[in-house]
Amino acid sequence: MKRRVYDFFGKEINLDKEKCCPVYYVQCDCGHLAIRKNNTDRQIFRCSLCKKEYRHRQKTRTVVPIFKEL
């Protein structure tokens, strides 16, 4: 499965046409745009907010919702 990549403004990048984009972003599993790392397609991406929340959950062993319901 190939993930879609985006530029900073959220516009989708076609990697077949544009080979030299300096920074790629992908949609995080939570829906945010996250920086693409190590040039891999299969890696699970998390934005910094999700990483912080994930580490907090690991330390406290509690389940806290990331986003509040509106």
N, C-alpha and C. Protein backbone atom coordinates (compact mmCIF):
# COMPACT_ATOMS: atom_id res chain seq x y z
N MET A 1 0.83 -1.18 0.00
CA MET A 1 0.00 0.00 0.00
C MET A 1 0.88 1.24 0.00
N LYS A 2 0.61 2.13 -0.90
CA LYS A 2 1.40 3.36 -1.00
C LYS A 2 0.60 4.51 -0.40
N ARG A 3 1.23 5.22 0.51
CA ARG A 3 0.55 6.35 1.14
C ARG A 3 0.64 7.57 0.24
N ARG A 4 -0.38 8.39 0.30
CA ARG A 4 -0.35 9.66 -0.43
C ARG A 4 0.55 10.62 0.32
N VAL A 5 1.30 11.42 -0.42
CA VAL A 5 2.17 12.41 0.21
C VAL A 5 1.70 13.80 -0.16
N TYR A 6 1.96 14.74 0.73
CA TYR A 6 1.46 16.11 0.58
C TYR A 6 2.59 17.09 0.80
N ASP A 7 2.41 18.31 0.28
CA ASP A 7 3.35 19.38 0.62
C ASP A 7 2.86 20.05 1.91
N PHE A 8 3.55 21.10 2.32
CA PHE A 8 3.24 21.76 3.58
C PHE A 8 1.82 22.31 3.61
N PHE A 9 1.29 22.69 2.45
CA PHE A 9 -0.03 23.31 2.40
C PHE A 9 -1.15 22.30 2.21
N GLY A 10 -0.81 21.02 2.20
CA GLY A 10 -1.83 19.99 2.09
C GLY A 10 -2.16 19.57 0.67
N LYS A 11 -1.42 20.09 -0.32
CA LYS A 11 -1.64 19.72 -1.72
C LYS A 11 -0.94 18.39 -1.99
N GLU A 12 -1.65 17.47 -2.63
CA GLU A 12 -1.07 16.16 -2.89
C GLU A 12 0.07 16.24 -3.90
N ILE A 13 1.14 15.48 -3.65
CA ILE A 13 2.31 15.46 -4.53
C ILE A 13 2.32 14.14 -5.29
N ASN A 14 2.48 14.21 -6.60
CA ASN A 14 2.62 13.01 -7.41
C ASN A 14 4.11 12.71 -7.51
N LEU A 15 4.57 11.67 -6.82
CA LEU A 15 6.01 11.38 -6.77
C LEU A 15 6.55 10.88 -8.10
N ASP A 16 5.67 10.39 -8.98
CA ASP A 16 6.15 9.94 -10.29
C ASP A 16 6.60 11.13 -11.14
N LYS A 17 5.94 12.28 -10.97
CA LYS A 17 6.29 13.47 -11.75
C LYS A 17 7.32 14.34 -11.04
N GLU A 18 7.19 14.49 -9.73
CA GLU A 18 8.08 15.37 -8.97
C GLU A 18 9.02 14.52 -8.12
N LYS A 19 10.25 14.39 -8.55
CA LYS A 19 11.20 13.53 -7.84
C LYS A 19 11.94 14.27 -6.73
N CYS A 20 12.05 15.58 -6.80
CA CYS A 20 12.92 16.28 -5.85
C CYS A 20 12.15 17.29 -5.00
N CYS A 21 11.24 16.81 -4.18
CA CYS A 21 10.58 17.65 -3.20
C CYS A 21 11.35 17.48 -1.89
N PRO A 22 11.76 18.56 -1.25
CA PRO A 22 12.62 18.43 -0.07
C PRO A 22 11.96 17.76 1.13
N VAL A 23 10.70 18.09 1.39
CA VAL A 23 10.03 17.53 2.57
C VAL A 23 8.68 16.99 2.14
N TYR A 24 8.39 15.78 2.56
CA TYR A 24 7.08 15.19 2.29
C TYR A 24 6.30 15.12 3.59
N TYR A 25 5.00 15.24 3.47
CA TYR A 25 4.11 15.05 4.61
C TYR A 25 3.14 13.94 4.24
N VAL A 26 2.72 13.19 5.23
CA VAL A 26 1.71 12.18 5.02
C VAL A 26 0.58 12.42 6.00
N GLN A 27 -0.57 11.83 5.71
CA GLN A 27 -1.65 11.94 6.68
C GLN A 27 -1.38 10.96 7.80
N CYS A 28 -1.33 11.50 9.00
CA CYS A 28 -1.16 10.69 10.19
C CYS A 28 -2.40 9.81 10.35
N ASP A 29 -2.29 8.77 11.14
CA ASP A 29 -3.44 7.90 11.36
C ASP A 29 -4.59 8.65 12.04
N CYS A 30 -4.29 9.78 12.68
CA CYS A 30 -5.35 10.57 13.31
C CYS A 30 -5.92 11.60 12.34
N GLY A 31 -5.32 11.74 11.15
CA GLY A 31 -5.84 12.69 10.17
C GLY A 31 -5.00 13.94 10.02
N HIS A 32 -4.06 14.18 10.93
CA HIS A 32 -3.18 15.34 10.80
C HIS A 32 -2.14 15.09 9.71
N LEU A 33 -1.47 16.15 9.29
CA LEU A 33 -0.33 15.98 8.39
C LEU A 33 0.91 15.77 9.23
N ALA A 34 1.68 14.74 8.95
CA ALA A 34 2.88 14.43 9.69
C ALA A 34 4.06 14.34 8.73
N ILE A 35 5.25 14.67 9.20
CA ILE A 35 6.43 14.63 8.35
C ILE A 35 6.76 13.19 8.02
N ARG A 36 7.07 12.95 6.76
CA ARG A 36 7.41 11.60 6.31
C ARG A 36 8.85 11.32 6.71
N LYS A 37 9.09 10.14 7.28
CA LYS A 37 10.43 9.83 7.77
C LYS A 37 10.99 8.60 7.06
N ASN A 38 12.29 8.61 6.86
CA ASN A 38 13.06 7.48 6.32
C ASN A 38 12.59 7.01 4.94
N ASN A 39 11.81 7.84 4.28
CA ASN A 39 11.41 7.56 2.89
C ASN A 39 10.72 6.22 2.72
N THR A 40 9.95 5.79 3.70
CA THR A 40 9.26 4.52 3.60
C THR A 40 7.77 4.73 3.41
N ASP A 41 7.14 3.77 2.76
CA ASP A 41 5.70 3.85 2.53
C ASP A 41 4.91 3.10 3.59
N ARG A 42 5.50 2.09 4.18
CA ARG A 42 4.74 1.22 5.07
C ARG A 42 4.82 1.59 6.53
N GLN A 43 5.61 2.59 6.85
CA GLN A 43 5.76 2.98 8.24
C GLN A 43 4.47 3.61 8.76
N ILE A 44 4.17 3.37 10.03
CA ILE A 44 3.01 4.01 10.64
C ILE A 44 3.43 5.40 11.06
N PHE A 45 2.74 6.39 10.59
CA PHE A 45 3.13 7.77 10.86
C PHE A 45 2.27 8.35 11.97
N ARG A 46 2.91 9.08 12.85
CA ARG A 46 2.17 9.80 13.88
C ARG A 46 2.72 11.21 13.96
N CYS A 47 1.84 12.17 14.13
CA CYS A 47 2.31 13.53 14.31
C CYS A 47 2.80 13.70 15.74
N SER A 48 3.42 14.83 16.04
CA SER A 48 4.01 15.03 17.36
C SER A 48 2.95 14.99 18.46
N LEU A 49 1.74 15.46 18.17
CA LEU A 49 0.67 15.41 19.16
C LEU A 49 0.35 13.96 19.53
N CYS A 50 0.27 13.10 18.52
CA CYS A 50 -0.04 11.70 18.78
C CYS A 50 1.11 11.01 19.50
N LYS A 51 2.36 11.33 19.14
CA LYS A 51 3.50 10.73 19.82
C LYS A 51 3.50 11.09 21.29
N LYS A 52 3.24 12.36 21.57
CA LYS A 52 3.21 12.82 22.96
C LYS A 52 2.10 12.09 23.74
N GLU A 53 0.94 11.99 23.13
CA GLU A 53 -0.19 11.31 23.77
C GLU A 53 0.11 9.82 23.95
N TYR A 54 0.74 9.21 22.95
CA TYR A 54 1.07 7.78 23.02
C TYR A 54 2.05 7.51 24.15
N ARG A 55 3.08 8.36 24.29
CA ARG A 55 4.05 8.19 25.38
C ARG A 55 3.39 8.39 26.73
N HIS A 56 2.49 9.37 26.80
CA HIS A 56 1.78 9.62 28.05
C HIS A 56 0.94 8.41 28.45
N ARG A 57 0.29 7.79 27.48
CA ARG A 57 -0.52 6.60 27.77
C ARG A 57 0.36 5.44 28.22
N GLN A 58 1.54 5.30 27.62
CA GLN A 58 2.43 4.21 28.01
C GLN A 58 2.91 4.37 29.44
N LYS A 59 3.21 5.60 29.84
CA LYS A 59 3.71 5.84 31.19
C LYS A 59 2.64 5.62 32.24
N THR A 60 1.45 6.15 31.98
CA THR A 60 0.40 6.12 32.99
C THR A 60 -0.51 4.91 32.88
N ARG A 61 -0.44 4.21 31.74
CA ARG A 61 -1.31 3.05 31.49
C ARG A 61 -2.79 3.40 31.56
N THR A 62 -3.11 4.64 31.21
CA THR A 62 -4.51 5.05 31.18
C THR A 62 -4.91 5.38 29.75
N VAL A 63 -6.16 5.23 29.46
CA VAL A 63 -6.67 5.55 28.13
C VAL A 63 -7.33 6.92 28.21
N VAL A 64 -6.74 7.87 27.52
CA VAL A 64 -7.26 9.23 27.51
C VAL A 64 -7.60 9.57 26.07
N PRO A 65 -8.80 10.08 25.80
CA PRO A 65 -9.12 10.44 24.41
C PRO A 65 -8.22 11.56 23.92
N ILE A 66 -7.74 11.43 22.67
CA ILE A 66 -6.85 12.44 22.11
C ILE A 66 -7.62 13.73 21.83
N PHE A 67 -8.81 13.60 21.28
CA PHE A 67 -9.59 14.77 20.91
C PHE A 67 -10.90 14.77 21.67
N LYS A 68 -11.32 15.93 22.08
CA LYS A 68 -12.60 16.05 22.77
C LYS A 68 -13.72 16.08 21.74
N GLU A 69 -14.82 15.50 22.08
CA GLU A 69 -15.99 15.54 21.20
C GLU A 69 -16.56 16.95 21.22
N LEU A 70 -16.96 17.43 20.05
CA LEU A 70 -17.56 18.77 19.98
C LEU A 70 -19.06 18.68 20.17
